């Protein structure tokens, strides 16, 4: 799928595929053309038609399979790699949680490539069509801000869920809670890996002497970079808190098992002497005292009950039943 939009003379127009190369090569400095390529098999073919205006290094970077957030200045243009949320309706739970969004920006031109659908591209395209984005700086800032807003919501949701697990932690902690804690920690590690480099990439972008990025846009990029840095700190906190919570749940389960083992041991100690007495008197041999006395059974029963109560009372007195 190819989305090509051109802003010229205050008017926004959609470009056909056969018009993209001509619009890119004949653009004016006051205009802005944004072309977005999205499809696993179409980017290389589409970018091949733009090889006349793309340095070879940029073309390789835009079609690379593995990327990480970065920013480089090449031949007067800017190569920027971002990560953005994917479109859950298109790819529910499939692959990495974030989509790699590759950008190449020059005066009057923005080329973006993603191998998977991202939920921020349609929203930014609507802003472009509404005439709110007039230059590459506006497009980049809109993409960065949209990605930051959605990722901030995701990070906040992870933190809130971990808060709930911490608040509801008690002696009844189960395997489900420990498993969910592990899942939240894995999500935090996966997101942090890609979110943290955004701050450095955007800071590097603001340091380039680029005419189509003014001071106001540089301030907006720095603010977005700070926002990504804060998300990285929050994810680091979630990772550490999840590890502590996992250990607490494990300790609670160990304490519960120890308490049950102690109760079983107490019961065994109470019945141990009773088992000895009944085993001794239950032997099928001659000479057992009072074997035929009618009161012997009730006497032995009373004696065993007294012994059991005495032992149980001793455990209560020593406080073993509370451990």
C-alpha atoms as a PDB file:
ATOM      1  CA  UNK A   1       0.000   0.000   0.000  1.00  0.00           C
ATOM      2  CA  UNK A   2       1.348   3.436  -0.964  1.00  0.00           C
ATOM      3  CA  UNK A   3       0.049   6.697   0.470  1.00  0.00           C
ATOM      4  CA  UNK A   4       1.368   9.739  -1.415  1.00  0.00           C
ATOM      5  CA  UNK A   5       0.310  13.266  -0.429  1.00  0.00           C
ATOM      6  CA  UNK A   6       1.548  16.564  -1.809  1.00  0.00           C
ATOM      7  CA  UNK A   7       1.107  20.046  -0.300  1.00  0.00           C
ATOM      8  CA  UNK A   8       1.618  22.768  -2.886  1.00  0.00           C
ATOM      9  CA  UNK A   9       0.506  26.339  -2.805  1.00  0.00           C
ATOM     10  CA  UNK A  10      -1.753  25.718   0.183  1.00  0.00           C
ATOM     11  CA  UNK A  11      -3.516  22.796  -1.544  1.00  0.00           C
ATOM     12  CA  UNK A  12      -3.246  19.109  -0.649  1.00  0.00           C
ATOM     13  CA  UNK A  13      -3.472  16.474  -3.369  1.00  0.00           C
ATOM     14  CA  UNK A  14      -3.148  12.685  -3.501  1.00  0.00           C
ATOM     15  CA  UNK A  15      -0.615  11.345  -5.995  1.00  0.00           C
ATOM     16  CA  UNK A  16      -0.912   8.242  -8.134  1.00  0.00           C
ATOM     17  CA  UNK A  17       1.979   5.803  -8.165  1.00  0.00           C
ATOM     18  CA  UNK A  18       3.109   6.956 -11.598  1.00  0.00           C
ATOM     19  CA  UNK A  19       3.178  10.565 -10.356  1.00  0.00           C
ATOM     20  CA  UNK A  20       5.329   9.974  -7.284  1.00  0.00           C
ATOM     21  CA  UNK A  21       8.759  10.015  -8.915  1.00  0.00           C
ATOM     22  CA  UNK A  22       7.963  13.144 -10.961  1.00  0.00           C
ATOM     23  CA  UNK A  23       6.520  14.966  -7.926  1.00  0.00           C
ATOM     24  CA  UNK A  24       9.545  14.092  -5.822  1.00  0.00           C
ATOM     25  CA  UNK A  25      12.096  15.203  -8.425  1.00  0.00           C
ATOM     26  CA  UNK A  26      10.251  18.404  -9.413  1.00  0.00           C
ATOM     27  CA  UNK A  27       9.286  19.600  -5.950  1.00  0.00           C
ATOM     28  CA  UNK A  28       9.855  23.200  -4.892  1.00  0.00           C
ATOM     29  CA  UNK A  29      11.432  24.274  -1.625  1.00  0.00           C
ATOM     30  CA  UNK A  30       8.152  25.804  -0.446  1.00  0.00           C
ATOM     31  CA  UNK A  31       6.151  22.648  -1.096  1.00  0.00           C
ATOM     32  CA  UNK A  32       6.007  19.384   0.826  1.00  0.00           C
ATOM     33  CA  UNK A  33       5.529  15.880  -0.549  1.00  0.00           C
ATOM     34  CA  UNK A  34       5.009  12.962   1.805  1.00  0.00           C
ATOM     35  CA  UNK A  35       5.099   9.399   0.460  1.00  0.00           C
ATOM     36  CA  UNK A  36       4.456   6.458   2.751  1.00  0.00           C
ATOM     37  CA  UNK A  37       5.189   2.882   1.605  1.00  0.00           C
ATOM     38  CA  UNK A  38       3.642   0.049   3.591  1.00  0.00           C
ATOM     39  CA  UNK A  39       3.628  -3.603   2.537  1.00  0.00           C
ATOM     40  CA  UNK A  40       6.034  -6.463   3.037  1.00  0.00           C
ATOM     41  CA  UNK A  41       6.810  -6.862  -0.663  1.00  0.00           C
ATOM     42  CA  UNK A  42       6.291  -3.452  -2.212  1.00  0.00           C
ATOM     43  CA  UNK A  43       8.816  -1.119  -0.611  1.00  0.00           C
ATOM     44  CA  UNK A  44      11.885  -2.107  -2.600  1.00  0.00           C
ATOM     45  CA  UNK A  45      10.116  -1.930  -5.948  1.00  0.00           C
ATOM     46  CA  UNK A  46       8.586   1.441  -5.136  1.00  0.00           C
ATOM     47  CA  UNK A  47      11.846   2.874  -3.837  1.00  0.00           C
ATOM     48  CA  UNK A  48      13.679   1.618  -6.903  1.00  0.00           C
ATOM     49  CA  UNK A  49      11.741   4.189  -8.924  1.00  0.00           C
ATOM     50  CA  UNK A  50      13.143   6.891  -6.622  1.00  0.00           C
ATOM     51  CA  UNK A  51      16.758   5.755  -6.823  1.00  0.00           C
ATOM     52  CA  UNK A  52      17.664   8.942  -8.685  1.00  0.00           C
ATOM     53  CA  UNK A  53      16.904  11.066  -5.613  1.00  0.00           C
ATOM     54  CA  UNK A  54      17.923   8.618  -2.887  1.00  0.00           C
ATOM     55  CA  UNK A  55      21.542   7.994  -1.868  1.00  0.00           C
ATOM     56  CA  UNK A  56      22.354   4.252  -1.910  1.00  0.00           C
ATOM     57  CA  UNK A  57      22.934   4.232   1.858  1.00  0.00           C
ATOM     58  CA  UNK A  58      19.492   5.737   2.433  1.00  0.00           C
ATOM     59  CA  UNK A  59      17.803   3.249   0.126  1.00  0.00           C
ATOM     60  CA  UNK A  60      19.424   0.351   1.999  1.00  0.00           C
ATOM     61  CA  UNK A  61      18.434   1.830   5.353  1.00  0.00           C
ATOM     62  CA  UNK A  62      14.816   2.324   4.305  1.00  0.00           C
ATOM     63  CA  UNK A  63      14.478  -1.316   3.240  1.00  0.00           C
ATOM     64  CA  UNK A  64      16.499  -2.898   6.062  1.00  0.00           C
ATOM     65  CA  UNK A  65      14.772  -5.760   7.857  1.00  0.00           C
ATOM     66  CA  UNK A  66      16.245  -5.151  11.313  1.00  0.00           C
ATOM     67  CA  UNK A  67      16.353  -1.583  12.619  1.00  0.00           C
ATOM     68  CA  UNK A  68      16.605   0.355  15.838  1.00  0.00           C
ATOM     69  CA  UNK A  69      15.791   4.024  16.602  1.00  0.00           C
ATOM     70  CA  UNK A  70      18.533   6.225  15.136  1.00  0.00           C
ATOM     71  CA  UNK A  71      19.101   9.550  13.400  1.00  0.00           C
ATOM     72  CA  UNK A  72      21.801  10.417  10.855  1.00  0.00           C
ATOM     73  CA  UNK A  73      22.480  13.323   8.539  1.00  0.00           C
ATOM     74  CA  UNK A  74      23.301  12.171   4.988  1.00  0.00           C
ATOM     75  CA  UNK A  75      23.881  14.447   1.977  1.00  0.00           C
ATOM     76  CA  UNK A  76      21.822  17.290   3.390  1.00  0.00           C
ATOM     77  CA  UNK A  77      18.929  15.059   4.403  1.00  0.00           C
ATOM     78  CA  UNK A  78      17.957  13.269   7.588  1.00  0.00           C
ATOM     79  CA  UNK A  79      17.532   9.525   8.047  1.00  0.00           C
ATOM     80  CA  UNK A  80      15.360   8.816  11.085  1.00  0.00           C
ATOM     81  CA  UNK A  81      14.200   5.437  12.390  1.00  0.00           C
ATOM     82  CA  UNK A  82      11.331   5.370  14.877  1.00  0.00           C
ATOM     83  CA  UNK A  83       9.194   2.767  16.581  1.00  0.00           C
ATOM     84  CA  UNK A  84       5.425   3.145  16.710  1.00  0.00           C
ATOM     85  CA  UNK A  85       2.468   1.029  17.858  1.00  0.00           C
ATOM     86  CA  UNK A  86       1.144  -1.370  15.249  1.00  0.00           C
ATOM     87  CA  UNK A  87      -2.461  -1.506  14.122  1.00  0.00           C
ATOM     88  CA  UNK A  88      -4.136  -4.078  16.395  1.00  0.00           C
ATOM     89  CA  UNK A  89      -7.033  -4.490  13.992  1.00  0.00           C
ATOM     90  CA  UNK A  90      -4.665  -5.605  11.264  1.00  0.00           C
ATOM     91  CA  UNK A  91      -2.165  -7.573  13.314  1.00  0.00           C
ATOM     92  CA  UNK A  92      -3.714  -8.601  16.640  1.00  0.00           C
ATOM     93  CA  UNK A  93      -0.882  -9.712  18.907  1.00  0.00           C
ATOM     94  CA  UNK A  94       1.368 -10.667  15.988  1.00  0.00           C
ATOM     95  CA  UNK A  95       5.131 -10.099  16.002  1.00  0.00           C
ATOM     96  CA  UNK A  96       6.903  -7.322  17.892  1.00  0.00           C
ATOM     97  CA  UNK A  97       4.767  -4.893  19.881  1.00  0.00           C
ATOM     98  CA  UNK A  98       6.162  -1.953  17.890  1.00  0.00           C
ATOM     99  CA  UNK A  99       6.401  -1.196  14.178  1.00  0.00           C
ATOM    100  CA  UNK A 100       9.636   0.077  12.656  1.00  0.00           C
ATOM    101  CA  UNK A 101       8.963   3.372  10.875  1.00  0.00           C
ATOM    102  CA  UNK A 102      11.850   4.486   8.619  1.00  0.00           C
ATOM    103  CA  UNK A 103      11.945   8.146   7.522  1.00  0.00           C
ATOM    104  CA  UNK A 104      14.008  10.052   4.966  1.00  0.00           C
ATOM    105  CA  UNK A 105      13.467  13.815   5.004  1.00  0.00           C
ATOM    106  CA  UNK A 106      14.836  16.584   2.807  1.00  0.00           C
ATOM    107  CA  UNK A 107      13.642  20.085   2.036  1.00  0.00           C
ATOM    108  CA  UNK A 108      10.087  19.607   0.766  1.00  0.00           C
ATOM    109  CA  UNK A 109      10.158  15.776   0.941  1.00  0.00           C
ATOM    110  CA  UNK A 110       9.375  13.035   3.450  1.00  0.00           C
ATOM    111  CA  UNK A 111       9.617   9.343   2.551  1.00  0.00           C
ATOM    112  CA  UNK A 112       8.411   6.849   5.165  1.00  0.00           C
ATOM    113  CA  UNK A 113       8.527   3.052   5.021  1.00  0.00           C
ATOM    114  CA  UNK A 114       6.993   0.449   7.328  1.00  0.00           C
ATOM    115  CA  UNK A 115       6.656  -3.290   6.767  1.00  0.00           C
ATOM    116  CA  UNK A 116       3.587  -3.480   9.023  1.00  0.00           C
ATOM    117  CA  UNK A 117       0.567  -1.261   9.490  1.00  0.00           C
ATOM    118  CA  UNK A 118       0.980   1.428  12.126  1.00  0.00           C
ATOM    119  CA  UNK A 119      -1.934   3.124  13.825  1.00  0.00           C
ATOM    120  CA  UNK A 120      -0.288   6.574  13.775  1.00  0.00           C
ATOM    121  CA  UNK A 121       0.159   6.954  10.003  1.00  0.00           C
ATOM    122  CA  UNK A 122      -3.563   7.362   9.152  1.00  0.00           C
ATOM    123  CA  UNK A 123      -3.990   9.937  11.940  1.00  0.00           C
ATOM    124  CA  UNK A 124      -1.024  12.002  10.722  1.00  0.00           C
ATOM    125  CA  UNK A 125      -2.237  11.670   7.121  1.00  0.00           C
ATOM    126  CA  UNK A 126      -5.540  13.225   8.216  1.00  0.00           C
ATOM    127  CA  UNK A 127      -3.635  16.171   9.674  1.00  0.00           C
ATOM    128  CA  UNK A 128      -1.720  16.517   6.412  1.00  0.00           C
ATOM    129  CA  UNK A 129      -4.932  16.439   4.364  1.00  0.00           C
ATOM    130  CA  UNK A 130      -6.478  19.042   6.686  1.00  0.00           C
ATOM    131  CA  UNK A 131      -3.609  21.410   5.815  1.00  0.00           C
ATOM    132  CA  UNK A 132      -2.077  21.382   9.299  1.00  0.00           C
ATOM    133  CA  UNK A 133       1.335  20.045   8.146  1.00  0.00           C
ATOM    134  CA  UNK A 134       3.241  22.206   5.682  1.00  0.00           C
ATOM    135  CA  UNK A 135       6.865  21.022   5.742  1.00  0.00           C
ATOM    136  CA  UNK A 136       8.939  17.910   6.620  1.00  0.00           C
ATOM    137  CA  UNK A 137       9.491  19.208  10.154  1.00  0.00           C
ATOM    138  CA  UNK A 138       5.735  19.290  10.750  1.00  0.00           C
ATOM    139  CA  UNK A 139       5.310  15.745   9.440  1.00  0.00           C
ATOM    140  CA  UNK A 140       8.152  14.365  11.568  1.00  0.00           C
ATOM    141  CA  UNK A 141       6.915  16.104  14.711  1.00  0.00           C
ATOM    142  CA  UNK A 142       3.356  14.868  14.097  1.00  0.00           C
ATOM    143  CA  UNK A 143       4.603  11.277  13.726  1.00  0.00           C
ATOM    144  CA  UNK A 144       6.826  11.527  16.791  1.00  0.00           C
ATOM    145  CA  UNK A 145       4.122  13.102  18.964  1.00  0.00           C
ATOM    146  CA  UNK A 146       1.496  10.565  17.839  1.00  0.00           C
ATOM    147  CA  UNK A 147       3.866   7.683  18.610  1.00  0.00           C
ATOM    148  CA  UNK A 148       4.738   9.172  22.010  1.00  0.00           C
ATOM    149  CA  UNK A 149       1.090   9.642  22.969  1.00  0.00           C
ATOM    150  CA  UNK A 150       0.106   6.063  22.139  1.00  0.00           C
ATOM    151  CA  UNK A 151       3.201   4.546  23.700  1.00  0.00           C
ATOM    152  CA  UNK A 152       2.733   6.670  26.812  1.00  0.00           C
ATOM    153  CA  UNK A 153      -0.748   5.209  27.184  1.00  0.00           C
ATOM    154  CA  UNK A 154       0.614   1.672  26.817  1.00  0.00           C
ATOM    155  CA  UNK A 155       3.382   2.269  29.362  1.00  0.00           C
ATOM    156  CA  UNK A 156       0.931   3.849  31.810  1.00  0.00           C
ATOM    157  CA  UNK A 157      -1.406   0.855  31.473  1.00  0.00           C
ATOM    158  CA  UNK A 158       1.461  -1.530  32.305  1.00  0.00           C
ATOM    159  CA  UNK A 159       2.375   0.556  35.352  1.00  0.00           C
ATOM    160  CA  UNK A 160      -1.247   0.751  36.542  1.00  0.00           C
ATOM    161  CA  UNK A 161      -1.710  -3.012  36.251  1.00  0.00           C
ATOM    162  CA  UNK A 162       1.461  -3.596  38.231  1.00  0.00           C
ATOM    163  CA  UNK A 163       0.190  -1.128  40.872  1.00  0.00           C
ATOM    164  CA  UNK A 164      -3.020  -3.171  41.175  1.00  0.00           C
ATOM    165  CA  UNK A 165      -1.037  -6.386  41.606  1.00  0.00           C
ATOM    166  CA  UNK A 166       1.066  -4.773  44.340  1.00  0.00           C
ATOM    167  CA  UNK A 167      -1.982  -3.373  46.171  1.00  0.00           C
ATOM    168  CA  UNK A 168      -3.856  -6.686  46.045  1.00  0.00           C
ATOM    169  CA  UNK A 169      -0.879  -8.781  47.117  1.00  0.00           C
ATOM    170  CA  UNK A 170      -1.695 -10.958  50.120  1.00  0.00           C
ATOM    171  CA  UNK A 171      -1.064 -14.447  51.452  1.00  0.00           C
ATOM    172  CA  UNK A 172      -3.431 -15.863  48.817  1.00  0.00           C
ATOM    173  CA  UNK A 173      -1.097 -14.941  45.930  1.00  0.00           C
ATOM    174  CA  UNK A 174      -1.451 -17.544  43.188  1.00  0.00           C
ATOM    175  CA  UNK A 175       0.434 -18.839  40.187  1.00  0.00           C
ATOM    176  CA  UNK A 176      -1.748 -16.621  37.943  1.00  0.00           C
ATOM    177  CA  UNK A 177      -0.527 -13.452  39.669  1.00  0.00           C
ATOM    178  CA  UNK A 178       3.092 -14.561  39.465  1.00  0.00           C
ATOM    179  CA  UNK A 179       2.670 -15.437  35.788  1.00  0.00           C
ATOM    180  CA  UNK A 180       1.048 -12.061  35.054  1.00  0.00           C
ATOM    181  CA  UNK A 181       3.886 -10.285  36.870  1.00  0.00           C
ATOM    182  CA  UNK A 182       6.378 -12.107  34.677  1.00  0.00           C
ATOM    183  CA  UNK A 183       4.424 -11.115  31.555  1.00  0.00           C
ATOM    184  CA  UNK A 184       4.413  -7.433  32.583  1.00  0.00           C
ATOM    185  CA  UNK A 185       8.155  -7.568  33.194  1.00  0.00           C
ATOM    186  CA  UNK A 186       8.715  -9.103  29.756  1.00  0.00           C
ATOM    187  CA  UNK A 187       6.580  -6.401  28.138  1.00  0.00           C
ATOM    188  CA  UNK A 188       8.528  -3.683  29.930  1.00  0.00           C
ATOM    189  CA  UNK A 189      11.856  -5.141  28.810  1.00  0.00           C
ATOM    190  CA  UNK A 190      10.656  -5.472  25.199  1.00  0.00           C
ATOM    191  CA  UNK A 191       9.286  -1.919  25.031  1.00  0.00           C
ATOM    192  CA  UNK A 192      12.223  -0.325  26.823  1.00  0.00           C
ATOM    193  CA  UNK A 193      14.634  -1.811  24.310  1.00  0.00           C
ATOM    194  CA  UNK A 194      13.121   0.332  21.544  1.00  0.00           C
ATOM    195  CA  UNK A 195      11.755   3.328  23.462  1.00  0.00           C
ATOM    196  CA  UNK A 196      14.940   4.433  25.201  1.00  0.00           C
ATOM    197  CA  UNK A 197      16.968   5.125  21.993  1.00  0.00           C
ATOM    198  CA  UNK A 198      14.260   7.533  20.777  1.00  0.00           C
ATOM    199  CA  UNK A 199      15.490  10.191  23.173  1.00  0.00           C
ATOM    200  CA  UNK A 200      19.035  10.110  21.766  1.00  0.00           C
ATOM    201  CA  UNK A 201      17.786  10.014  18.173  1.00  0.00           C
ATOM    202  CA  UNK A 202      15.557  13.074  18.617  1.00  0.00           C
ATOM    203  CA  UNK A 203      18.258  14.954  20.507  1.00  0.00           C
ATOM    204  CA  UNK A 204      20.630  14.253  17.636  1.00  0.00           C
ATOM    205  CA  UNK A 205      18.008  15.492  15.146  1.00  0.00           C
ATOM    206  CA  UNK A 206      17.734  18.848  16.928  1.00  0.00           C
ATOM    207  CA  UNK A 207      21.509  19.321  16.681  1.00  0.00           C
ATOM    208  CA  UNK A 208      21.616  19.190  12.858  1.00  0.00           C
ATOM    209  CA  UNK A 209      21.769  22.586  11.046  1.00  0.00           C
ATOM    210  CA  UNK A 210      18.595  21.987   9.017  1.00  0.00           C
ATOM    211  CA  UNK A 211      16.727  24.920   7.488  1.00  0.00           C
ATOM    212  CA  UNK A 212      13.314  23.247   7.431  1.00  0.00           C
ATOM    213  CA  UNK A 213      13.334  22.750  11.229  1.00  0.00           C
ATOM    214  CA  UNK A 214      12.871  26.022  13.111  1.00  0.00           C
ATOM    215  CA  UNK A 215      13.449  26.764  16.800  1.00  0.00           C
ATOM    216  CA  UNK A 216       9.839  26.045  17.723  1.00  0.00           C
ATOM    217  CA  UNK A 217      10.019  22.617  16.077  1.00  0.00           C
ATOM    218  CA  UNK A 218      13.348  21.881  17.764  1.00  0.00           C
ATOM    219  CA  UNK A 219      11.739  22.629  21.126  1.00  0.00           C
ATOM    220  CA  UNK A 220       8.874  20.282  20.272  1.00  0.00           C
ATOM    221  CA  UNK A 221      11.340  17.533  19.310  1.00  0.00           C
ATOM    222  CA  UNK A 222      13.267  18.014  22.555  1.00  0.00           C
ATOM    223  CA  UNK A 223      10.028  17.795  24.515  1.00  0.00           C
ATOM    224  CA  UNK A 224       9.123  14.571  22.702  1.00  0.00           C
ATOM    225  CA  UNK A 225      12.608  13.225  23.441  1.00  0.00           C
ATOM    226  CA  UNK A 226      12.133  13.995  27.138  1.00  0.00           C
ATOM    227  CA  UNK A 227       8.809  12.189  26.996  1.00  0.00           C
ATOM    228  CA  UNK A 228      10.464   9.071  25.557  1.00  0.00           C
ATOM    229  CA  UNK A 229      13.173   9.312  28.213  1.00  0.00           C
ATOM    230  CA  UNK A 230      10.519   9.448  30.932  1.00  0.00           C
ATOM    231  CA  UNK A 231       8.800   6.398  29.441  1.00  0.00           C
ATOM    232  CA  UNK A 232      12.117   4.578  29.471  1.00  0.00           C
ATOM    233  CA  UNK A 233      12.558   5.420  33.157  1.00  0.00           C
ATOM    234  CA  UNK A 234       9.017   4.236  33.895  1.00  0.00           C
ATOM    235  CA  UNK A 235       9.651   0.945  32.087  1.00  0.00           C
ATOM    236  CA  UNK A 236      12.885   0.489  34.012  1.00  0.00           C
ATOM    237  CA  UNK A 237      10.943   1.065  37.225  1.00  0.00           C
ATOM    238  CA  UNK A 238       8.287  -1.438  36.123  1.00  0.00           C
ATOM    239  CA  UNK A 239      10.964  -4.003  35.371  1.00  0.00           C
ATOM    240  CA  UNK A 240      12.566  -3.642  38.803  1.00  0.00           C
ATOM    241  CA  UNK A 241       9.228  -3.536  40.648  1.00  0.00           C
ATOM    242  CA  UNK A 242       7.995  -6.604  38.778  1.00  0.00           C
ATOM    243  CA  UNK A 243      11.135  -8.500  39.798  1.00  0.00           C
ATOM    244  CA  UNK A 244      10.600  -7.518  43.450  1.00  0.00           C
ATOM    245  CA  UNK A 245       6.902  -8.415  43.271  1.00  0.00           C
ATOM    246  CA  UNK A 246       7.733 -11.784  41.724  1.00  0.00           C
ATOM    247  CA  UNK A 247      10.119 -12.499  44.605  1.00  0.00           C
ATOM    248  CA  UNK A 248       7.495 -11.429  47.154  1.00  0.00           C
ATOM    249  CA  UNK A 249       4.899 -13.752  45.627  1.00  0.00           C
ATOM    250  CA  UNK A 250       7.430 -16.582  45.634  1.00  0.00           C
ATOM    251  CA  UNK A 251       8.277 -15.883  49.288  1.00  0.00           C
ATOM    252  CA  UNK A 252       4.585 -15.804  50.242  1.00  0.00           C
ATOM    253  CA  UNK A 253       4.030 -19.152  48.564  1.00  0.00           C
ATOM    254  CA  UNK A 254       7.066 -20.570  50.343  1.00  0.00           C
ATOM    255  CA  UNK A 255       5.767 -19.266  53.675  1.00  0.00           C
ATOM    256  CA  UNK A 256       2.360 -20.804  52.956  1.00  0.00           C
ATOM    257  CA  UNK A 257       3.969 -24.162  52.168  1.00  0.00           C
ATOM    258  CA  UNK A 258       6.119 -23.948  55.314  1.00  0.00           C
ATOM    259  CA  UNK A 259       3.041 -23.178  57.430  1.00  0.00           C
ATOM    260  CA  UNK A 260       1.186 -26.160  56.013  1.00  0.00           C
ATOM    261  CA  UNK A 261       4.215 -28.386  56.506  1.00  0.00           C
ATOM    262  CA  UNK A 262       4.389 -27.251  60.143  1.00  0.00           C
ATOM    263  CA  UNK A 263       0.713 -28.063  60.659  1.00  0.00           C
ATOM    264  CA  UNK A 264       1.242 -31.522  59.201  1.00  0.00           C
ATOM    265  CA  UNK A 265       4.286 -32.017  61.438  1.00  0.00           C
ATOM    266  CA  UNK A 266       2.320 -30.945  64.527  1.00  0.00           C
ATOM    267  CA  UNK A 267      -0.458 -33.372  63.691  1.00  0.00           C
ATOM    268  CA  UNK A 268       2.096 -36.129  63.157  1.00  0.00           C
ATOM    269  CA  UNK A 269       3.774 -35.379  66.520  1.00  0.00           C
ATOM    270  CA  UNK A 270       0.415 -35.439  68.314  1.00  0.00           C
ATOM    271  CA  UNK A 271      -0.525 -38.842  66.911  1.00  0.00           C
ATOM    272  CA  UNK A 272       2.947 -40.383  67.136  1.00  0.00           C
ATOM    273  CA  UNK A 273       2.711 -41.482  70.808  1.00  0.00           C
ATOM    274  CA  UNK A 274      -0.924 -42.495  70.295  1.00  0.00           C
ATOM    275  CA  UNK A 275       0.128 -44.673  67.394  1.00  0.00           C
ATOM    276  CA  UNK A 276       2.770 -46.270  69.605  1.00  0.00           C
ATOM    277  CA  UNK A 277       0.281 -46.993  72.393  1.00  0.00           C
ATOM    278  CA  UNK A 278      -2.385 -48.422  70.086  1.00  0.00           C
ATOM    279  CA  UNK A 279       0.200 -50.415  68.190  1.00  0.00           C
ATOM    280  CA  UNK A 280       1.610 -51.831  71.400  1.00  0.00           C
ATOM    281  CA  UNK A 281      -1.781 -52.803  72.821  1.00  0.00           C
ATOM    282  CA  UNK A 282      -3.015 -54.090  69.487  1.00  0.00           C
ATOM    283  CA  UNK A 283      -0.433 -56.865  69.232  1.00  0.00           C
ATOM    284  CA  UNK A 284      -1.971 -60.315  68.910  1.00  0.00           C
ATOM    285  CA  UNK A 285       0.012 -61.886  71.777  1.00  0.00           C
ATOM    286  CA  UNK A 286      -0.819 -63.182  75.220  1.00  0.00           C
ATOM    287  CA  UNK A 287      -0.130 -61.189  78.352  1.00  0.00           C
ATOM    288  CA  UNK A 288      -1.614 -57.795  77.464  1.00  0.00           C
ATOM    289  CA  UNK A 289      -2.920 -56.366  80.782  1.00  0.00           C
ATOM    290  CA  UNK A 290      -6.695 -55.921  81.164  1.00  0.00           C
ATOM    291  CA  UNK A 291      -7.306 -57.339  77.693  1.00  0.00           C
ATOM    292  CA  UNK A 292     -10.661 -58.741  78.819  1.00  0.00           C
ATOM    293  CA  UNK A 293     -11.686 -56.018  81.265  1.00  0.00           C
ATOM    294  CA  UNK A 294     -14.894 -54.222  80.138  1.00  0.00           C
ATOM    295  CA  UNK A 295     -13.585 -50.826  81.212  1.00  0.00           C
ATOM    296  CA  UNK A 296     -10.155 -51.160  79.545  1.00  0.00           C
ATOM    297  CA  UNK A 297     -11.180 -49.772  76.150  1.00  0.00           C
ATOM    298  CA  UNK A 298     -12.661 -46.558  77.566  1.00  0.00           C
ATOM    299  CA  UNK A 299      -9.707 -46.115  79.883  1.00  0.00           C
ATOM    300  CA  UNK A 300      -7.220 -46.379  77.013  1.00  0.00           C
ATOM    301  CA  UNK A 301      -9.364 -44.007  74.944  1.00  0.00           C
ATOM    302  CA  UNK A 302      -9.417 -41.435  77.749  1.00  0.00           C
ATOM    303  CA  UNK A 303      -5.664 -41.779  78.253  1.00  0.00           C
ATOM    304  CA  UNK A 304      -4.956 -41.284  74.516  1.00  0.00           C
ATOM    305  CA  UNK A 305      -7.253 -38.246  74.433  1.00  0.00           C
ATOM    306  CA  UNK A 306      -5.468 -36.759  77.453  1.00  0.00           C
ATOM    307  CA  UNK A 307      -2.060 -37.308  75.834  1.00  0.00           C
ATOM    308  CA  UNK A 308      -3.228 -35.725  72.551  1.00  0.00           C
ATOM    309  CA  UNK A 309      -4.696 -32.699  74.322  1.00  0.00           C
ATOM    310  CA  UNK A 310      -1.558 -32.292  76.432  1.00  0.00           C
ATOM    311  CA  UNK A 311       0.725 -32.344  73.414  1.00  0.00           C
ATOM    312  CA  UNK A 312      -1.545 -29.952  71.481  1.00  0.00           C
ATOM    313  CA  UNK A 313      -1.692 -27.613  74.497  1.00  0.00           C
ATOM    314  CA  UNK A 314       2.090 -27.646  74.740  1.00  0.00           C
ATOM    315  CA  UNK A 315       2.382 -26.627  71.054  1.00  0.00           C
ATOM    316  CA  UNK A 316      -0.109 -23.808  71.619  1.00  0.00           C
ATOM    317  CA  UNK A 317       1.747 -22.660  74.725  1.00  0.00           C
ATOM    318  CA  UNK A 318       5.048 -22.561  72.817  1.00  0.00           C
ATOM    319  CA  UNK A 319       3.381 -20.661  69.992  1.00  0.00           C
ATOM    320  CA  UNK A 320       4.201 -23.221  67.291  1.00  0.00           C
ATOM    321  CA  UNK A 321       0.684 -23.089  65.908  1.00  0.00           C
ATOM    322  CA  UNK A 322       1.192 -19.414  64.988  1.00  0.00           C
ATOM    323  CA  UNK A 323       4.378 -19.936  63.004  1.00  0.00           C
END
